[in-house]
Amino acid sequence: MRIIAKRTLQEFWEKHSLAKQSLLSWYKTVQIANWQNYAEIKEKFSTVSILNTTRMVFNIGGNKYRLICLGRFDKQIIFIRSIGTHKEYDKINAVEV
């Protein structure tokens, strides 16, 4: 999968250094994936939450952080929409970011 944009992750781990290894692991796993549907994502990330036909939320770092992504299986792209602490996530509407 092509991930847009890694810079978002980098900016986050510069502020939250404890998230860096978990985000890098997530990035490497997704980068080599060739997912065709959400069931395949669930096989690799059992705790991912599927919000609707395009949105998903990954638990990062033992659920300390939440990564909201938009997936386009037809184009093999994952768009990073938002990343934050669990507390920050609770204050937003994940479907609208």
PDB file of N, CA and C in Angstrom:
ATOM      1  N   MET A   1       0.853  -1.175   0.000  1.00  0.00           N
ATOM      2  CA  MET A   1       0.000   0.000   0.000  1.00  0.00           C
ATOM      3  C   MET A   1       0.898   1.237   0.000  1.00  0.00           C
ATOM      4  N   ARG A   2       0.455   2.215  -0.706  1.00  0.00           N
ATOM      5  CA  ARG A   2       1.134   3.506  -0.673  1.00  0.00           C
ATOM      6  C   ARG A   2       0.530   4.313   0.468  1.00  0.00           C
ATOM      7  N   ILE A   3       1.355   4.920   1.286  1.00  0.00           N
ATOM      8  CA  ILE A   3       0.885   5.656   2.462  1.00  0.00           C
ATOM      9  C   ILE A   3       1.116   7.140   2.248  1.00  0.00           C
ATOM     10  N   ILE A   4       0.063   7.904   2.406  1.00  0.00           N
ATOM     11  CA  ILE A   4       0.137   9.353   2.264  1.00  0.00           C
ATOM     12  C   ILE A   4      -0.357   9.951   3.569  1.00  0.00           C
ATOM     13  N   ALA A   5       0.379  10.602   4.339  1.00  0.00           N
ATOM     14  CA  ALA A   5       1.755  11.048   4.169  1.00  0.00           C
ATOM     15  C   ALA A   5       2.541  10.666   5.432  1.00  0.00           C
ATOM     16  N   LYS A   6       3.698  10.091   5.200  1.00  0.00           N
ATOM     17  CA  LYS A   6       4.566   9.679   6.306  1.00  0.00           C
ATOM     18  C   LYS A   6       4.946  10.880   7.177  1.00  0.00           C
ATOM     19  N   ARG A   7       5.036  12.032   6.563  1.00  0.00           N
ATOM     20  CA  ARG A   7       5.399  13.246   7.296  1.00  0.00           C
ATOM     21  C   ARG A   7       4.474  13.479   8.506  1.00  0.00           C
ATOM     22  N   THR A   8       3.211  13.162   8.361  1.00  0.00           N
ATOM     23  CA  THR A   8       2.259  13.304   9.468  1.00  0.00           C
ATOM     24  C   THR A   8       2.691  12.458  10.658  1.00  0.00           C
ATOM     25  N   LEU A   9       3.126  11.234  10.372  1.00  0.00           N
ATOM     26  CA  LEU A   9       3.609  10.356  11.437  1.00  0.00           C
ATOM     27  C   LEU A   9       4.871  10.910  12.076  1.00  0.00           C
ATOM     28  N   GLN A  10       5.796  11.375  11.242  1.00  0.00           N
ATOM     29  CA  GLN A  10       7.059  11.914  11.744  1.00  0.00           C
ATOM     30  C   GLN A  10       6.828  13.116  12.648  1.00  0.00           C
ATOM     31  N   GLU A  11       5.957  14.001  12.235  1.00  0.00           N
ATOM     32  CA  GLU A  11       5.654  15.179  13.057  1.00  0.00           C
ATOM     33  C   GLU A  11       5.068  14.766  14.399  1.00  0.00           C
ATOM     34  N   PHE A  12       4.245  13.716  14.373  1.00  0.00           N
ATOM     35  CA  PHE A  12       3.644  13.259  15.624  1.00  0.00           C
ATOM     36  C   PHE A  12       4.693  12.651  16.544  1.00  0.00           C
ATOM     37  N   TRP A  13       5.575  11.781  16.029  1.00  0.00           N
ATOM     38  CA  TRP A  13       6.532  11.135  16.911  1.00  0.00           C
ATOM     39  C   TRP A  13       7.626  12.094  17.373  1.00  0.00           C
ATOM     40  N   GLU A  14       7.799  13.214  16.693  1.00  0.00           N
ATOM     41  CA  GLU A  14       8.721  14.232  17.195  1.00  0.00           C
ATOM     42  C   GLU A  14       8.183  14.861  18.477  1.00  0.00           C
ATOM     43  N   LYS A  15       6.872  14.934  18.606  1.00  0.00           N
ATOM     44  CA  LYS A  15       6.231  15.461  19.814  1.00  0.00           C
ATOM     45  C   LYS A  15       5.975  14.370  20.855  1.00  0.00           C
ATOM     46  N   HIS A  16       5.791  13.134  20.394  1.00  0.00           N
ATOM     47  CA  HIS A  16       5.468  11.994  21.254  1.00  0.00           C
ATOM     48  C   HIS A  16       6.466  10.873  20.942  1.00  0.00           C
ATOM     49  N   SER A  17       7.645  10.997  21.481  1.00  0.00           N
ATOM     50  CA  SER A  17       8.737  10.081  21.130  1.00  0.00           C
ATOM     51  C   SER A  17       8.425   8.619  21.448  1.00  0.00           C
ATOM     52  N   LEU A  18       7.578   8.369  22.422  1.00  0.00           N
ATOM     53  CA  LEU A  18       7.225   6.982  22.757  1.00  0.00           C
ATOM     54  C   LEU A  18       6.415   6.305  21.649  1.00  0.00           C
ATOM     55  N   ALA A  19       5.849   7.083  20.772  1.00  0.00           N
ATOM     56  CA  ALA A  19       5.041   6.531  19.680  1.00  0.00           C
ATOM     57  C   ALA A  19       5.890   6.121  18.477  1.00  0.00           C
ATOM     58  N   LYS A  20       7.140   6.549  18.414  1.00  0.00           N
ATOM     59  CA  LYS A  20       7.945   6.374  17.204  1.00  0.00           C
ATOM     60  C   LYS A  20       8.066   4.921  16.764  1.00  0.00           C
ATOM     61  N   GLN A  21       8.472   4.027  17.626  1.00  0.00           N
ATOM     62  CA  GLN A  21       8.684   2.632  17.222  1.00  0.00           C
ATOM     63  C   GLN A  21       7.390   1.967  16.778  1.00  0.00           C
ATOM     64  N   SER A  22       6.300   2.243  17.471  1.00  0.00           N
ATOM     65  CA  SER A  22       5.012   1.660  17.086  1.00  0.00           C
ATOM     66  C   SER A  22       4.555   2.182  15.733  1.00  0.00           C
ATOM     67  N   LEU A  23       4.759   3.463  15.483  1.00  0.00           N
ATOM     68  CA  LEU A  23       4.364   4.038  14.198  1.00  0.00           C
ATOM     69  C   LEU A  23       5.243   3.532  13.063  1.00  0.00           C
ATOM     70  N   LEU A  24       6.524   3.391  13.317  1.00  0.00           N
ATOM     71  CA  LEU A  24       7.406   2.844  12.284  1.00  0.00           C
ATOM     72  C   LEU A  24       7.043   1.399  11.957  1.00  0.00           C
ATOM     73  N   SER A  25       6.706   0.631  12.973  1.00  0.00           N
ATOM     74  CA  SER A  25       6.288  -0.753  12.760  1.00  0.00           C
ATOM     75  C   SER A  25       5.000  -0.797  11.934  1.00  0.00           C
ATOM     76  N   TRP A  26       4.035   0.038  12.290  1.00  0.00           N
ATOM     77  CA  TRP A  26       2.783   0.117  11.529  1.00  0.00           C
ATOM     78  C   TRP A  26       3.082   0.488  10.081  1.00  0.00           C
ATOM     79  N   TYR A  27       3.904   1.500   9.886  1.00  0.00           N
ATOM     80  CA  TYR A  27       4.233   1.984   8.548  1.00  0.00           C
ATOM     81  C   TYR A  27       4.858   0.882   7.692  1.00  0.00           C
ATOM     82  N   LYS A  28       5.830   0.181   8.235  1.00  0.00           N
ATOM     83  CA  LYS A  28       6.511  -0.879   7.486  1.00  0.00           C
ATOM     84  C   LYS A  28       5.548  -2.012   7.127  1.00  0.00           C
ATOM     85  N   THR A  29       4.668  -2.352   8.050  1.00  0.00           N
ATOM     86  CA  THR A  29       3.693  -3.414   7.803  1.00  0.00           C
ATOM     87  C   THR A  29       2.720  -3.029   6.692  1.00  0.00           C
ATOM     88  N   VAL A  30       2.211  -1.805   6.767  1.00  0.00           N
ATOM     89  CA  VAL A  30       1.228  -1.349   5.775  1.00  0.00           C
ATOM     90  C   VAL A  30       1.880  -1.147   4.413  1.00  0.00           C
ATOM     91  N   GLN A  31       3.099  -0.665   4.409  1.00  0.00           N
ATOM     92  CA  GLN A  31       3.795  -0.379   3.156  1.00  0.00           C
ATOM     93  C   GLN A  31       3.956  -1.633   2.283  1.00  0.00           C
ATOM     94  N   ILE A  32       4.175  -2.775   2.892  1.00  0.00           N
ATOM     95  CA  ILE A  32       4.361  -3.997   2.101  1.00  0.00           C
ATOM     96  C   ILE A  32       3.060  -4.767   1.864  1.00  0.00           C
ATOM     97  N   ALA A  33       1.969  -4.292   2.464  1.00  0.00           N
ATOM     98  CA  ALA A  33       0.680  -4.971   2.317  1.00  0.00           C
ATOM     99  C   ALA A  33       0.094  -4.728   0.932  1.00  0.00           C
ATOM    100  N   ASN A  34      -0.795  -5.630   0.548  1.00  0.00           N
ATOM    101  CA  ASN A  34      -1.521  -5.523  -0.715  1.00  0.00           C
ATOM    102  C   ASN A  34      -2.987  -5.848  -0.441  1.00  0.00           C
ATOM    103  N   TRP A  35      -3.570  -5.123   0.493  1.00  0.00           N
ATOM    104  CA  TRP A  35      -4.924  -5.418   0.941  1.00  0.00           C
ATOM    105  C   TRP A  35      -5.953  -5.116  -0.135  1.00  0.00           C
ATOM    106  N   GLN A  36      -6.955  -5.973  -0.182  1.00  0.00           N
ATOM    107  CA  GLN A  36      -8.057  -5.797  -1.111  1.00  0.00           C
ATOM    108  C   GLN A  36      -9.373  -5.484  -0.403  1.00  0.00           C
ATOM    109  N   ASN A  37      -9.395  -5.663   0.922  1.00  0.00           N
ATOM    110  CA  ASN A  37     -10.617  -5.413   1.685  1.00  0.00           C
ATOM    111  C   ASN A  37     -10.279  -5.295   3.173  1.00  0.00           C
ATOM    112  N   TYR A  38     -11.279  -4.930   3.954  1.00  0.00           N
ATOM    113  CA  TYR A  38     -11.066  -4.735   5.395  1.00  0.00           C
ATOM    114  C   TYR A  38     -10.799  -6.036   6.136  1.00  0.00           C
ATOM    115  N   ALA A  39     -11.319  -7.130   5.640  1.00  0.00           N
ATOM    116  CA  ALA A  39     -11.065  -8.423   6.290  1.00  0.00           C
ATOM    117  C   ALA A  39      -9.567  -8.727   6.306  1.00  0.00           C
ATOM    118  N   GLU A  40      -8.876  -8.379   5.239  1.00  0.00           N
ATOM    119  CA  GLU A  40      -7.435  -8.605   5.181  1.00  0.00           C
ATOM    120  C   GLU A  40      -6.685  -7.709   6.166  1.00  0.00           C
ATOM    121  N   ILE A  41      -7.168  -6.497   6.352  1.00  0.00           N
ATOM    122  CA  ILE A  41      -6.559  -5.615   7.355  1.00  0.00           C
ATOM    123  C   ILE A  41      -6.765  -6.198   8.743  1.00  0.00           C
ATOM    124  N   LYS A  42      -7.975  -6.680   9.005  1.00  0.00           N
ATOM    125  CA  LYS A  42      -8.302  -7.268  10.314  1.00  0.00           C
ATOM    126  C   LYS A  42      -7.428  -8.483  10.628  1.00  0.00           C
ATOM    127  N   GLU A  43      -7.006  -9.208   9.590  1.00  0.00           N
ATOM    128  CA  GLU A  43      -6.121 -10.355   9.813  1.00  0.00           C
ATOM    129  C   GLU A  43      -4.786  -9.915  10.405  1.00  0.00           C
ATOM    130  N   LYS A  44      -4.308  -8.756   9.992  1.00  0.00           N
ATOM    131  CA  LYS A  44      -3.016  -8.252  10.458  1.00  0.00           C
ATOM    132  C   LYS A  44      -3.150  -7.384  11.702  1.00  0.00           C
ATOM    133  N   PHE A  45      -4.188  -6.585  11.747  1.00  0.00           N
ATOM    134  CA  PHE A  45      -4.433  -5.665  12.864  1.00  0.00           C
ATOM    135  C   PHE A  45      -5.820  -5.970  13.439  1.00  0.00           C
ATOM    136  N   SER A  46      -5.864  -6.894  14.356  1.00  0.00           N
ATOM    137  CA  SER A  46      -7.160  -7.362  14.870  1.00  0.00           C
ATOM    138  C   SER A  46      -7.940  -6.285  15.617  1.00  0.00           C
ATOM    139  N   THR A  47      -7.266  -5.260  16.108  1.00  0.00           N
ATOM    140  CA  THR A  47      -7.960  -4.225  16.880  1.00  0.00           C
ATOM    141  C   THR A  47      -8.382  -3.025  16.039  1.00  0.00           C
ATOM    142  N   VAL A  48      -8.130  -3.070  14.722  1.00  0.00           N
ATOM    143  CA  VAL A  48      -8.535  -1.946  13.882  1.00  0.00           C
ATOM    144  C   VAL A  48     -10.052  -1.806  13.933  1.00  0.00           C
ATOM    145  N   SER A  49     -10.511  -0.567  13.986  1.00  0.00           N
ATOM    146  CA  SER A  49     -11.949  -0.291  13.953  1.00  0.00           C
ATOM    147  C   SER A  49     -12.304   0.214  12.561  1.00  0.00           C
ATOM    148  N   ILE A  50     -13.292  -0.411  11.954  1.00  0.00           N
ATOM    149  CA  ILE A  50     -13.765   0.002  10.638  1.00  0.00           C
ATOM    150  C   ILE A  50     -14.966   0.908  10.868  1.00  0.00           C
ATOM    151  N   LEU A  51     -14.846   2.178  10.458  1.00  0.00           N
ATOM    152  CA  LEU A  51     -15.894   3.151  10.750  1.00  0.00           C
ATOM    153  C   LEU A  51     -16.969   3.214   9.672  1.00  0.00           C
ATOM    154  N   ASN A  52     -16.555   3.116   8.419  1.00  0.00           N
ATOM    155  CA  ASN A  52     -17.495   3.117   7.297  1.00  0.00           C
ATOM    156  C   ASN A  52     -16.791   2.508   6.091  1.00  0.00           C
ATOM    157  N   THR A  53     -17.256   2.788   4.916  1.00  0.00           N
ATOM    158  CA  THR A  53     -16.686   2.131   3.734  1.00  0.00           C
ATOM    159  C   THR A  53     -15.274   2.581   3.396  1.00  0.00           C
ATOM    160  N   THR A  54     -14.800   3.650   4.002  1.00  0.00           N
ATOM    161  CA  THR A  54     -13.443   4.114   3.703  1.00  0.00           C
ATOM    162  C   THR A  54     -12.588   4.391   4.940  1.00  0.00           C
ATOM    163  N   ARG A  55     -13.192   4.582   6.091  1.00  0.00           N
ATOM    164  CA  ARG A  55     -12.441   5.009   7.278  1.00  0.00           C
ATOM    165  C   ARG A  55     -12.143   3.870   8.224  1.00  0.00           C
ATOM    166  N   MET A  56     -10.924   3.937   8.794  1.00  0.00           N
ATOM    167  CA  MET A  56     -10.514   2.958   9.796  1.00  0.00           C
ATOM    168  C   MET A  56      -9.662   3.650  10.851  1.00  0.00           C
ATOM    169  N   VAL A  57      -9.661   3.069  12.039  1.00  0.00           N
ATOM    170  CA  VAL A  57      -8.871   3.607  13.142  1.00  0.00           C
ATOM    171  C   VAL A  57      -7.989   2.493  13.678  1.00  0.00           C
ATOM    172  N   PHE A  58      -6.678   2.758  13.674  1.00  0.00           N
ATOM    173  CA  PHE A  58      -5.707   1.808  14.199  1.00  0.00           C
ATOM    174  C   PHE A  58      -5.317   2.207  15.613  1.00  0.00           C
ATOM    175  N   ASN A  59      -5.239   1.227  16.493  1.00  0.00           N
ATOM    176  CA  ASN A  59      -4.717   1.435  17.831  1.00  0.00           C
ATOM    177  C   ASN A  59      -3.205   1.308  17.754  1.00  0.00           C
ATOM    178  N   ILE A  60      -2.507   2.315  18.210  1.00  0.00           N
ATOM    179  CA  ILE A  60      -1.056   2.353  18.131  1.00  0.00           C
ATOM    180  C   ILE A  60      -0.477   2.427  19.543  1.00  0.00           C
ATOM    181  N   GLY A  61       0.595   1.697  19.764  1.00  0.00           N
ATOM    182  CA  GLY A  61       1.280   1.768  21.061  1.00  0.00           C
ATOM    183  C   GLY A  61       0.429   1.288  22.217  1.00  0.00           C
ATOM    184  N   GLY A  62      -0.213   0.142  22.027  1.00  0.00           N
ATOM    185  CA  GLY A  62      -1.052  -0.387  23.102  1.00  0.00           C
ATOM    186  C   GLY A  62      -2.275   0.466  23.364  1.00  0.00           C
ATOM    187  N   ASN A  63      -2.798   1.099  22.305  1.00  0.00           N
ATOM    188  CA  ASN A  63      -3.990   1.934  22.351  1.00  0.00           C
ATOM    189  C   ASN A  63      -3.746   3.278  23.042  1.00  0.00           C
ATOM    190  N   LYS A  64      -2.487   3.688  23.162  1.00  0.00           N
ATOM    191  CA  LYS A  64      -2.187   5.025  23.686  1.00  0.00           C
ATOM    192  C   LYS A  64      -2.476   6.083  22.633  1.00  0.00           C
ATOM    193  N   TYR A  65      -2.379   5.680  21.369  1.00  0.00           N
ATOM    194  CA  TYR A  65      -2.557   6.605  20.256  1.00  0.00           C
ATOM    195  C   TYR A  65      -3.552   6.011  19.272  1.00  0.00           C
ATOM    196  N   ARG A  66      -4.239   6.901  18.553  1.00  0.00           N
ATOM    197  CA  ARG A  66      -5.219   6.459  17.554  1.00  0.00           C
ATOM    198  C   ARG A  66      -4.861   7.073  16.214  1.00  0.00           C
ATOM    199  N   LEU A  67      -4.801   6.243  15.200  1.00  0.00           N
ATOM    200  CA  LEU A  67      -4.428   6.651  13.850  1.00  0.00           C
ATOM    201  C   LEU A  67      -5.637   6.461  12.936  1.00  0.00           C
ATOM    202  N   ILE A  68      -6.167   7.561  12.433  1.00  0.00           N
ATOM    203  CA  ILE A  68      -7.334   7.522  11.557  1.00  0.00           C
ATOM    204  C   ILE A  68      -6.854   7.568  10.110  1.00  0.00           C
ATOM    205  N   CYS A  69      -7.315   6.609   9.326  1.00  0.00           N
ATOM    206  CA  CYS A  69      -6.908   6.515   7.926  1.00  0.00           C
ATOM    207  C   CYS A  69      -8.115   6.348   7.024  1.00  0.00           C
ATOM    208  N   LEU A  70      -7.911   6.751   5.791  1.00  0.00           N
ATOM    209  CA  LEU A  70      -8.880   6.530   4.732  1.00  0.00           C
ATOM    210  C   LEU A  70      -8.239   5.551   3.774  1.00  0.00           C
ATOM    211  N   GLY A  71      -8.938   4.494   3.423  1.00  0.00           N
ATOM    212  CA  GLY A  71      -8.374   3.469   2.547  1.00  0.00           C
ATOM    213  C   GLY A  71      -9.012   3.446   1.179  1.00  0.00           C
ATOM    214  N   ARG A  72      -8.168   3.310   0.166  1.00  0.00           N
ATOM    215  CA  ARG A  72      -8.624   3.128  -1.215  1.00  0.00           C
ATOM    216  C   ARG A  72      -7.977   1.862  -1.741  1.00  0.00           C
ATOM    217  N   PHE A  73      -8.691   0.752  -1.617  1.00  0.00           N
ATOM    218  CA  PHE A  73      -8.148  -0.539  -2.043  1.00  0.00           C
ATOM    219  C   PHE A  73      -7.926  -0.579  -3.554  1.00  0.00           C
ATOM    220  N   ASP A  74      -8.820   0.056  -4.316  1.00  0.00           N
ATOM    221  CA  ASP A  74      -8.699   0.044  -5.776  1.00  0.00           C
ATOM    222  C   ASP A  74      -7.413   0.718  -6.254  1.00  0.00           C
ATOM    223  N   LYS A  75      -6.921   1.684  -5.472  1.00  0.00           N
ATOM    224  CA  LYS A  75      -5.696   2.395  -5.841  1.00  0.00           C
ATOM    225  C   LYS A  75      -4.511   2.002  -4.956  1.00  0.00           C
ATOM    226  N   GLN A  76      -4.761   1.106  -3.991  1.00  0.00           N
ATOM    227  CA  GLN A  76      -3.717   0.647  -3.064  1.00  0.00           C
ATOM    228  C   GLN A  76      -3.079   1.815  -2.311  1.00  0.00           C
ATOM    229  N   ILE A  77      -3.945   2.707  -1.782  1.00  0.00           N
ATOM    230  CA  ILE A  77      -3.481   3.882  -1.050  1.00  0.00           C
ATOM    231  C   ILE A  77      -4.162   3.945   0.312  1.00  0.00           C
ATOM    232  N   ILE A  78      -3.376   4.293   1.313  1.00  0.00           N
ATOM    233  CA  ILE A  78      -3.888   4.615   2.644  1.00  0.00           C
ATOM    234  C   ILE A  78      -3.547   6.078   2.907  1.00  0.00           C
ATOM    235  N   PHE A  79      -4.553   6.890   3.148  1.00  0.00           N
ATOM    236  CA  PHE A  79      -4.355   8.297   3.473  1.00  0.00           C
ATOM    237  C   PHE A  79      -4.433   8.472   4.986  1.00  0.00           C
ATOM    238  N   ILE A  80      -3.407   9.025   5.575  1.00  0.00           N
ATOM    239  CA  ILE A  80      -3.435   9.323   7.007  1.00  0.00           C
ATOM    240  C   ILE A  80      -4.232  10.605   7.188  1.00  0.00           C
ATOM    241  N   ARG A  81      -5.297  10.516   7.934  1.00  0.00           N
ATOM    242  CA  ARG A  81      -6.172  11.670   8.148  1.00  0.00           C
ATOM    243  C   ARG A  81      -5.866  12.373   9.473  1.00  0.00           C
ATOM    244  N   SER A  82      -5.523  11.584  10.508  1.00  0.00           N
ATOM    245  CA  SER A  82      -5.277  12.180  11.815  1.00  0.00           C
ATOM    246  C   SER A  82      -4.573  11.174  12.704  1.00  0.00           C
ATOM    247  N   ILE A  83      -3.746  11.692  13.579  1.00  0.00           N
ATOM    248  CA  ILE A  83      -3.165  10.861  14.632  1.00  0.00           C
ATOM    249  C   ILE A  83      -3.152  11.693  15.904  1.00  0.00           C
ATOM    250  N   GLY A  84      -3.449  11.031  16.988  1.00  0.00           N
ATOM    251  CA  GLY A  84      -3.455  11.735  18.267  1.00  0.00           C
ATOM    252  C   GLY A  84      -3.458  10.752  19.414  1.00  0.00           C
ATOM    253  N   THR A  85      -3.404  11.316  20.592  1.00  0.00           N
ATOM    254  CA  THR A  85      -3.517  10.482  21.783  1.00  0.00           C
ATOM    255  C   THR A  85      -4.957   9.973  21.867  1.00  0.00           C
ATOM    256  N   HIS A  86      -5.155   8.980  22.691  1.00  0.00           N
ATOM    257  CA  HIS A  86      -6.513   8.453  22.857  1.00  0.00           C
ATOM    258  C   HIS A  86      -7.436   9.560  23.363  1.00  0.00           C
ATOM    259  N   LYS A  87      -6.941  10.386  24.253  1.00  0.00           N
ATOM    260  CA  LYS A  87      -7.736  11.488  24.800  1.00  0.00           C
ATOM    261  C   LYS A  87      -8.114  12.495  23.705  1.00  0.00           C
ATOM    262  N   GLU A  88      -7.174  12.806  22.819  1.00  0.00           N
ATOM    263  CA  GLU A  88      -7.458  13.713  21.701  1.00  0.00           C
ATOM    264  C   GLU A  88      -8.474  13.100  20.748  1.00  0.00           C
ATOM    265  N   TYR A  89      -8.357  11.812  20.518  1.00  0.00           N
ATOM    266  CA  TYR A  89      -9.281  11.106  19.632  1.00  0.00           C
ATOM    267  C   TYR A  89     -10.714  11.204  20.146  1.00  0.00           C
ATOM    268  N   ASP A  90     -10.876  11.121  21.450  1.00  0.00           N
ATOM    269  CA  ASP A  90     -12.212  11.171  22.035  1.00  0.00           C
ATOM    270  C   ASP A  90     -12.915  12.508  21.791  1.00  0.00           C
ATOM    271  N   LYS A  91     -12.170  13.545  21.421  1.00  0.00           N
ATOM    272  CA  LYS A  91     -12.740  14.880  21.236  1.00  0.00           C
ATOM    273  C   LYS A  91     -13.104  15.191  19.786  1.00  0.00           C
ATOM    274  N   ILE A  92     -12.842  14.259  18.863  1.00  0.00           N
ATOM    275  CA  ILE A  92     -13.107  14.536  17.446  1.00  0.00           C
ATOM    276  C   ILE A  92     -14.096  13.529  16.871  1.00  0.00           C
ATOM    277  N   ASN A  93     -14.593  13.842  15.703  1.00  0.00           N
ATOM    278  CA  ASN A  93     -15.441  12.920  14.957  1.00  0.00           C
ATOM    279  C   ASN A  93     -14.552  12.268  13.907  1.00  0.00           C
ATOM    280  N   ALA A  94     -14.192  11.029  14.123  1.00  0.00           N
ATOM    281  CA  ALA A  94     -13.242  10.332  13.255  1.00  0.00           C
ATOM    282  C   ALA A  94     -13.737  10.180  11.825  1.00  0.00           C
ATOM    283  N   VAL A  95     -15.007  10.215  11.607  1.00  0.00           N
ATOM    284  CA  VAL A  95     -15.553  10.055  10.258  1.00  0.00           C
ATOM    285  C   VAL A  95     -15.401  11.347   9.462  1.00  0.00           C
ATOM    286  N   GLU A  96     -15.260  12.476  10.148  1.00  0.00           N
ATOM    287  CA  GLU A  96     -15.223  13.748   9.456  1.00  0.00           C
ATOM    288  C   GLU A  96     -13.820  14.347   9.298  1.00  0.00           C
ATOM    289  N   VAL A  97     -12.825  13.822   9.979  1.00  0.00           N
ATOM    290  CA  VAL A  97     -11.488  14.432   9.844  1.00  0.00           C
ATOM    291  C   VAL A  97     -10.816  13.998   8.565  1.00  0.00           C
TER     292      VAL A  97
END
